[in-house]
Amino acid sequence: MHDREHLRLLRAEGLSIRGISRGLALSRNTVRRALDPDAALQYSRPSLTEKYTEAVREMLADYPRVTVNQVAELVEWPGSRRTLSDLVATLRPAALEREREDLNRPSLGTVATGRIVYGPLTLGRMTVGSIHAGPEETRLDTA
């Protein structure tokens, strides 16, 4: 936009509002707003990306391969698809990296084997006396 401090300096040097606006190709109302003592030195307007960045980041953390259209629906994006697409493009690499790390992480824990014994079991018309399964054997005893 414009540097309000610079505009105030030009005004303090004695330039008119019309002269400042002509010299910088700004409207006179813009110069007046910049010279207002209650106006901040820097002009900034919040963007949609600032407002929705955290929601999109959380969405991509859970579902890193979701499409831009799906993100737009789920976070109720009110802006243009291009702006959202740019935001997703900047946030997706970090989400995909976390996904790769999760896939490459060795699984923790162990599976213990033991002995399982079930009593008589009926499957349709066939009755099995018992099932024995353990590290040393697996067998079916039919009655």
Protein backbone atom coordinates (compact mmCIF):
# COMPACT_ATOMS: atom_id res chain seq x y z
CA MET A 1 0.00 0.00 0.00
CA HIS A 2 1.57 3.26 1.12
CA ASP A 3 3.93 4.36 3.84
CA ARG A 4 1.96 6.62 6.15
CA GLU A 5 5.06 7.87 7.91
CA HIS A 6 6.47 9.07 4.58
CA LEU A 7 3.19 10.84 3.76
CA ARG A 8 3.24 12.59 7.14
CA LEU A 9 6.83 13.66 6.57
CA LEU A 10 5.91 15.17 3.19
CA ARG A 11 3.03 17.04 4.79
CA ALA A 12 5.32 18.33 7.57
CA GLU A 13 7.67 19.67 4.85
CA GLY A 14 4.81 21.85 3.67
CA LEU A 15 3.42 19.93 0.69
CA SER A 16 -0.32 20.17 0.17
CA ILE A 17 -2.60 17.13 0.19
CA ARG A 18 -3.21 17.66 -3.52
CA GLY A 19 0.54 17.88 -4.18
CA ILE A 20 1.24 14.69 -2.24
CA SER A 21 -1.55 12.84 -4.01
CA ARG A 22 -0.33 13.96 -7.45
CA GLY A 23 3.30 13.15 -6.72
CA LEU A 24 2.58 9.64 -5.41
CA ALA A 25 -0.42 8.85 -7.64
CA LEU A 26 -2.75 8.42 -4.66
CA SER A 27 -6.23 9.78 -4.20
CA ARG A 28 -6.63 12.80 -1.95
CA ASN A 29 -8.88 10.81 0.38
CA THR A 30 -6.16 8.20 0.77
CA VAL A 31 -3.69 10.92 1.73
CA ARG A 32 -6.20 12.41 4.17
CA ARG A 33 -6.77 9.04 5.86
CA ALA A 34 -3.01 8.52 6.12
CA LEU A 35 -2.54 11.95 7.69
CA ASP A 36 -5.26 11.34 10.28
CA PRO A 37 -3.55 11.40 13.70
CA ASP A 38 -5.55 8.36 14.85
CA ALA A 39 -4.39 6.26 11.88
CA ALA A 40 -1.70 3.65 12.45
CA LEU A 41 1.71 4.16 10.85
CA GLN A 42 1.44 0.93 8.87
CA TYR A 43 -1.65 -0.14 6.97
CA SER A 44 -2.52 -3.79 7.07
CA ARG A 45 -5.62 -5.71 6.21
CA PRO A 46 -6.10 -9.21 7.62
CA SER A 47 -6.21 -11.85 4.94
CA LEU A 48 -8.29 -15.00 4.70
CA THR A 49 -5.15 -17.10 4.76
CA GLU A 50 -4.22 -15.74 8.19
CA LYS A 51 -7.69 -16.52 9.50
CA TYR A 52 -7.90 -20.08 8.10
CA THR A 53 -4.27 -21.24 8.23
CA GLU A 54 -4.64 -23.15 11.49
CA ALA A 55 -7.84 -24.92 10.38
CA VAL A 56 -6.24 -25.97 7.08
CA ARG A 57 -3.07 -27.10 8.87
CA GLU A 58 -5.11 -29.30 11.24
CA MET A 59 -7.07 -30.72 8.30
CA LEU A 60 -3.87 -31.61 6.45
CA ALA A 61 -2.33 -33.10 9.60
CA ASP A 62 -5.22 -35.58 9.78
CA TYR A 63 -5.69 -36.07 6.03
CA PRO A 64 -2.55 -35.00 4.14
CA ARG A 65 -3.78 -36.18 0.74
CA VAL A 66 -7.19 -34.47 0.79
CA THR A 67 -8.04 -32.34 -2.27
CA VAL A 68 -8.33 -28.55 -2.22
CA ASN A 69 -12.07 -28.77 -2.93
CA GLN A 70 -12.56 -31.09 0.04
CA VAL A 71 -10.58 -28.71 2.28
CA ALA A 72 -12.77 -25.84 1.08
CA GLU A 73 -15.93 -27.70 1.99
CA LEU A 74 -14.72 -28.89 5.37
CA VAL A 75 -13.34 -25.56 6.61
CA GLU A 76 -16.13 -23.58 4.88
CA TRP A 77 -13.70 -21.46 2.86
CA PRO A 78 -15.39 -18.21 1.72
CA GLY A 79 -12.67 -17.00 -0.66
CA SER A 80 -11.35 -17.99 -4.06
CA ARG A 81 -10.13 -21.51 -4.79
CA ARG A 82 -6.82 -20.12 -6.05
CA THR A 83 -6.03 -18.48 -2.71
CA LEU A 84 -6.88 -21.69 -0.87
CA SER A 85 -4.86 -23.72 -3.35
CA ASP A 86 -1.81 -21.55 -2.67
CA LEU A 87 -2.29 -21.98 1.09
CA VAL A 88 -2.64 -25.76 0.79
CA ALA A 89 0.45 -25.88 -1.44
CA THR A 90 2.52 -24.18 1.25
CA LEU A 91 1.21 -26.35 4.11
CA ARG A 92 0.95 -29.77 2.44
CA PRO A 93 4.71 -30.61 2.25
CA ALA A 94 5.02 -30.51 6.05
CA ALA A 95 1.96 -32.75 6.41
CA LEU A 96 3.30 -35.23 3.86
CA GLU A 97 6.68 -35.27 5.63
CA ARG A 98 4.95 -36.19 8.90
CA GLU A 99 3.07 -38.93 7.05
CA ARG A 100 6.36 -40.31 5.66
CA GLU A 101 7.91 -40.24 9.13
CA ASP A 102 4.96 -42.17 10.53
CA LEU A 103 5.27 -44.81 7.80
CA ASN A 104 9.03 -45.19 8.30
CA ARG A 105 8.85 -45.33 12.10
CA PRO A 106 9.47 -48.86 13.37
CA SER A 107 6.50 -50.38 15.09
CA LEU A 108 6.74 -50.49 18.83
CA GLY A 109 5.71 -53.42 20.99
CA THR A 110 5.75 -57.16 20.55
CA VAL A 111 3.23 -59.84 19.85
CA ALA A 112 3.26 -62.61 22.41
CA THR A 113 2.20 -66.10 21.49
CA GLY A 114 0.64 -68.46 23.89
CA ARG A 115 -1.69 -71.38 24.07
CA ILE A 116 -5.33 -70.99 23.15
CA VAL A 117 -7.80 -73.76 23.79
CA TYR A 118 -11.44 -73.64 22.80
CA GLY A 119 -14.02 -76.22 23.81
CA PRO A 120 -16.49 -77.88 21.46
CA LEU A 121 -17.33 -75.72 18.48
CA THR A 122 -20.19 -76.19 16.01
CA LEU A 123 -19.79 -74.89 12.48
CA GLY A 124 -22.96 -75.52 10.46
CA ARG A 125 -23.46 -79.30 10.62
CA MET A 126 -19.89 -80.03 11.65
CA THR A 127 -18.92 -80.17 15.33
CA VAL A 128 -15.30 -79.76 16.30
CA GLY A 129 -14.33 -81.18 19.67
CA SER A 130 -11.67 -78.57 20.51
CA ILE A 131 -9.13 -76.30 18.91
CA HIS A 132 -5.58 -76.10 20.21
CA ALA A 133 -3.31 -73.35 18.99
CA GLY A 134 0.06 -72.49 20.44
CA PRO A 135 3.65 -71.87 19.49
CA GLU A 136 4.39 -75.56 19.18
CA GLU A 137 1.23 -76.84 17.51
CA THR A 138 -2.04 -76.09 15.83
CA ARG A 139 -4.49 -78.94 15.53
CA LEU A 140 -8.16 -79.69 15.36
CA ASP A 141 -9.62 -82.53 17.39
CA THR A 142 -12.88 -83.70 15.91
CA ALA A 143 -15.40 -85.58 17.94
